[in-house]
Amino acid sequence: MLTVNRIKLCIVLNRFGSVKLKPNLMAIKITCINKDNGNHENPNLAITHLGWINEADNSKGKNTRLEIYNWIKNDGGYCYVEKNGNKVKVITAETASGAKYLKTEADSTTVNNLLSLPEC
């Protein structure tokens, strides 16, 4: 456990070796994505992993789309993408069939800023 600017941050490895995000303890900047090669009706479902950095302490990690989704939805986590110097919030969404994915809040563009990120 680290204390940075009087905020306690707990980052631990889960059994798969990826970083486990703890609830309400940090904001992370999504820096890159990995996509599978499948043909998806919704391109957001192609995102399999997201790379991130916690700018408060420079810790970095990479988690699955569903790990980040659950962290935001169930634990109150906060993620953002930086676009032209502006922070755009990452939010959870579901398709009509119930598939869970991430997207960015509406900003000056209709494009999901996550899909514009480089590959990890």
C-alpha atoms as a PDB file:
ATOM      1  CA  MET A   1       0.000   0.000   0.000  1.00  0.00           C
ATOM      2  CA  LEU A   2       1.348   3.402  -0.974  1.00  0.00           C
ATOM      3  CA  THR A   3       0.334   6.792   0.331  1.00  0.00           C
ATOM      4  CA  VAL A   4       0.541   9.493  -2.311  1.00  0.00           C
ATOM      5  CA  ASN A   5      -0.812  12.957  -1.572  1.00  0.00           C
ATOM      6  CA  ARG A   6      -2.740  11.489   1.368  1.00  0.00           C
ATOM      7  CA  ILE A   7      -4.567   9.061  -0.927  1.00  0.00           C
ATOM      8  CA  LYS A   8      -4.010   5.394  -0.243  1.00  0.00           C
ATOM      9  CA  LEU A   9      -3.434   3.333  -3.359  1.00  0.00           C
ATOM     10  CA  CYS A  10      -3.580  -0.444  -3.269  1.00  0.00           C
ATOM     11  CA  ILE A  11      -2.383  -2.184  -6.393  1.00  0.00           C
ATOM     12  CA  VAL A  12      -1.940  -5.927  -6.235  1.00  0.00           C
ATOM     13  CA  LEU A  13      -1.413  -8.675  -8.772  1.00  0.00           C
ATOM     14  CA  ASN A  14      -4.288 -11.055  -9.282  1.00  0.00           C
ATOM     15  CA  ARG A  15      -3.782 -14.729  -9.978  1.00  0.00           C
ATOM     16  CA  PHE A  16      -3.391 -14.065 -13.723  1.00  0.00           C
ATOM     17  CA  GLY A  17      -0.519 -11.643 -13.170  1.00  0.00           C
ATOM     18  CA  SER A  18      -2.433  -8.558 -14.288  1.00  0.00           C
ATOM     19  CA  VAL A  19      -2.838  -5.577 -12.013  1.00  0.00           C
ATOM     20  CA  LYS A  20      -5.934  -5.612  -9.840  1.00  0.00           C
ATOM     21  CA  LEU A  21      -7.523  -2.191  -9.548  1.00  0.00           C
ATOM     22  CA  LYS A  22      -8.858  -1.174  -6.173  1.00  0.00           C
ATOM     23  CA  PRO A  23     -12.128   0.751  -5.763  1.00  0.00           C
ATOM     24  CA  ASN A  24     -12.284   4.549  -5.562  1.00  0.00           C
ATOM     25  CA  LEU A  25      -8.589   4.850  -4.890  1.00  0.00           C
ATOM     26  CA  MET A  26      -7.177   6.147  -8.124  1.00  0.00           C
ATOM     27  CA  ALA A  27      -7.854   7.607 -11.526  1.00  0.00           C
ATOM     28  CA  ILE A  28      -6.122   6.031 -14.470  1.00  0.00           C
ATOM     29  CA  LYS A  29      -5.311   7.361 -17.905  1.00  0.00           C
ATOM     30  CA  ILE A  30      -5.891   4.808 -20.666  1.00  0.00           C
ATOM     31  CA  THR A  31      -2.851   4.977 -22.945  1.00  0.00           C
ATOM     32  CA  CYS A  32      -3.233   2.054 -25.368  1.00  0.00           C
ATOM     33  CA  ILE A  33      -5.481  -0.828 -26.361  1.00  0.00           C
ATOM     34  CA  ASN A  34      -5.234  -4.338 -27.773  1.00  0.00           C
ATOM     35  CA  LYS A  35      -7.849  -5.617 -30.207  1.00  0.00           C
ATOM     36  CA  ASP A  36      -8.644  -9.085 -31.411  1.00  0.00           C
ATOM     37  CA  ASN A  37      -8.893  -9.837 -35.110  1.00  0.00           C
ATOM     38  CA  GLY A  38     -12.582 -10.781 -35.101  1.00  0.00           C
ATOM     39  CA  ASN A  39     -15.251  -9.104 -37.182  1.00  0.00           C
ATOM     40  CA  HIS A  40     -17.523  -7.368 -34.687  1.00  0.00           C
ATOM     41  CA  GLU A  41     -20.865  -5.678 -35.222  1.00  0.00           C
ATOM     42  CA  ASN A  42     -19.730  -3.203 -32.558  1.00  0.00           C
ATOM     43  CA  PRO A  43     -16.032  -2.259 -32.982  1.00  0.00           C
ATOM     44  CA  ASN A  44     -15.772  -1.499 -29.248  1.00  0.00           C
ATOM     45  CA  LEU A  45     -16.114  -5.224 -28.559  1.00  0.00           C
ATOM     46  CA  ALA A  46     -12.843  -5.826 -30.416  1.00  0.00           C
ATOM     47  CA  ILE A  47     -10.957  -4.190 -27.541  1.00  0.00           C
ATOM     48  CA  THR A  48      -9.588  -7.000 -25.374  1.00  0.00           C
ATOM     49  CA  HIS A  49      -7.081  -5.173 -23.128  1.00  0.00           C
ATOM     50  CA  LEU A  50      -6.358  -1.607 -22.079  1.00  0.00           C
ATOM     51  CA  GLY A  51      -3.011  -0.251 -20.949  1.00  0.00           C
ATOM     52  CA  TRP A  52      -3.005   2.521 -18.379  1.00  0.00           C
ATOM     53  CA  ILE A  53      -0.949   4.765 -16.134  1.00  0.00           C
ATOM     54  CA  ASN A  54      -1.770   6.229 -12.750  1.00  0.00           C
ATOM     55  CA  GLU A  55      -0.228   9.669 -13.099  1.00  0.00           C
ATOM     56  CA  ALA A  56      -0.261  10.204  -9.321  1.00  0.00           C
ATOM     57  CA  ASP A  57       2.497   7.646  -8.796  1.00  0.00           C
ATOM     58  CA  ASN A  58       3.479   6.585 -12.351  1.00  0.00           C
ATOM     59  CA  SER A  59       2.333   3.007 -11.783  1.00  0.00           C
ATOM     60  CA  LYS A  60       1.344   1.245 -14.987  1.00  0.00           C
ATOM     61  CA  GLY A  61      -0.760  -1.756 -15.819  1.00  0.00           C
ATOM     62  CA  LYS A  62      -2.737  -3.614 -18.413  1.00  0.00           C
ATOM     63  CA  ASN A  63      -6.145  -5.149 -17.772  1.00  0.00           C
ATOM     64  CA  THR A  64      -8.881  -6.799 -19.764  1.00  0.00           C
ATOM     65  CA  ARG A  65     -11.855  -4.842 -21.022  1.00  0.00           C
ATOM     66  CA  LEU A  66     -14.099  -6.660 -18.542  1.00  0.00           C
ATOM     67  CA  GLU A  67     -11.775  -5.996 -15.574  1.00  0.00           C
ATOM     68  CA  ILE A  68     -11.826  -2.263 -16.330  1.00  0.00           C
ATOM     69  CA  TYR A  69     -15.592  -2.382 -17.012  1.00  0.00           C
ATOM     70  CA  ASN A  70     -16.264  -4.015 -13.635  1.00  0.00           C
ATOM     71  CA  TRP A  71     -13.884  -1.660 -11.828  1.00  0.00           C
ATOM     72  CA  ILE A  72     -15.748   1.364 -13.205  1.00  0.00           C
ATOM     73  CA  LYS A  73     -19.272  -0.072 -12.902  1.00  0.00           C
ATOM     74  CA  ASN A  74     -19.031  -1.892  -9.573  1.00  0.00           C
ATOM     75  CA  ASP A  75     -16.217  -0.172  -7.690  1.00  0.00           C
ATOM     76  CA  GLY A  76     -16.613   3.442  -8.803  1.00  0.00           C
ATOM     77  CA  GLY A  77     -13.295   3.514 -10.667  1.00  0.00           C
ATOM     78  CA  TYR A  78     -12.444   6.476 -12.874  1.00  0.00           C
ATOM     79  CA  CYS A  79     -10.668   6.248 -16.233  1.00  0.00           C
ATOM     80  CA  TYR A  80     -10.016   8.812 -18.881  1.00  0.00           C
ATOM     81  CA  VAL A  81      -8.397   9.272 -22.270  1.00  0.00           C
ATOM     82  CA  GLU A  82      -6.427  12.390 -23.033  1.00  0.00           C
ATOM     83  CA  LYS A  83      -7.385  13.986 -26.349  1.00  0.00           C
ATOM     84  CA  ASN A  84      -5.803  17.275 -27.454  1.00  0.00           C
ATOM     85  CA  GLY A  85      -4.980  18.148 -23.847  1.00  0.00           C
ATOM     86  CA  ASN A  86      -8.528  17.439 -22.624  1.00  0.00           C
ATOM     87  CA  LYS A  87      -9.541  14.554 -20.381  1.00  0.00           C
ATOM     88  CA  VAL A  88     -12.440  12.527 -21.781  1.00  0.00           C
ATOM     89  CA  LYS A  89     -14.118  10.185 -19.289  1.00  0.00           C
ATOM     90  CA  VAL A  90     -14.341   6.460 -20.064  1.00  0.00           C
ATOM     91  CA  ILE A  91     -17.768   5.010 -19.280  1.00  0.00           C
ATOM     92  CA  THR A  92     -19.408   1.587 -19.334  1.00  0.00           C
ATOM     93  CA  ALA A  93     -21.979   0.477 -21.897  1.00  0.00           C
ATOM     94  CA  GLU A  94     -23.773  -2.676 -23.014  1.00  0.00           C
ATOM     95  CA  THR A  95     -25.024  -3.838 -26.373  1.00  0.00           C
ATOM     96  CA  ALA A  96     -28.668  -4.826 -26.862  1.00  0.00           C
ATOM     97  CA  SER A  97     -27.577  -8.445 -26.351  1.00  0.00           C
ATOM     98  CA  GLY A  98     -25.821  -7.608 -23.056  1.00  0.00           C
ATOM     99  CA  ALA A  99     -22.155  -7.584 -24.166  1.00  0.00           C
ATOM    100  CA  LYS A 100     -20.190  -5.244 -21.897  1.00  0.00           C
ATOM    101  CA  TYR A 101     -17.793  -2.679 -23.344  1.00  0.00           C
ATOM    102  CA  LEU A 102     -16.179   0.695 -22.703  1.00  0.00           C
ATOM    103  CA  LYS A 103     -16.532   3.952 -24.560  1.00  0.00           C
ATOM    104  CA  THR A 104     -15.768   7.594 -23.991  1.00  0.00           C
ATOM    105  CA  GLU A 105     -18.332  10.208 -23.056  1.00  0.00           C
ATOM    106  CA  ALA A 106     -19.480  12.411 -25.877  1.00  0.00           C
ATOM    107  CA  ASP A 107     -17.077  15.224 -26.648  1.00  0.00           C
ATOM    108  CA  SER A 108     -16.444  17.320 -29.757  1.00  0.00           C
ATOM    109  CA  THR A 109     -16.185  14.171 -31.898  1.00  0.00           C
ATOM    110  CA  THR A 110     -18.541  11.254 -32.496  1.00  0.00           C
ATOM    111  CA  VAL A 111     -15.625   8.805 -32.586  1.00  0.00           C
ATOM    112  CA  ASN A 112     -14.925   6.685 -29.512  1.00  0.00           C
ATOM    113  CA  ASN A 113     -11.554   8.033 -28.384  1.00  0.00           C
ATOM    114  CA  LEU A 114     -10.554   4.585 -27.113  1.00  0.00           C
ATOM    115  CA  LEU A 115     -10.509   3.220 -30.666  1.00  0.00           C
ATOM    116  CA  SER A 116      -8.068   5.972 -31.666  1.00  0.00           C
ATOM    117  CA  LEU A 117      -5.423   4.847 -29.161  1.00  0.00           C
ATOM    118  CA  PRO A 118      -2.334   2.960 -30.325  1.00  0.00           C
ATOM    119  CA  GLU A 119      -1.838  -0.757 -29.778  1.00  0.00           C
ATOM    120  CA  CYS A 120      -0.121  -1.692 -26.511  1.00  0.00           C
END
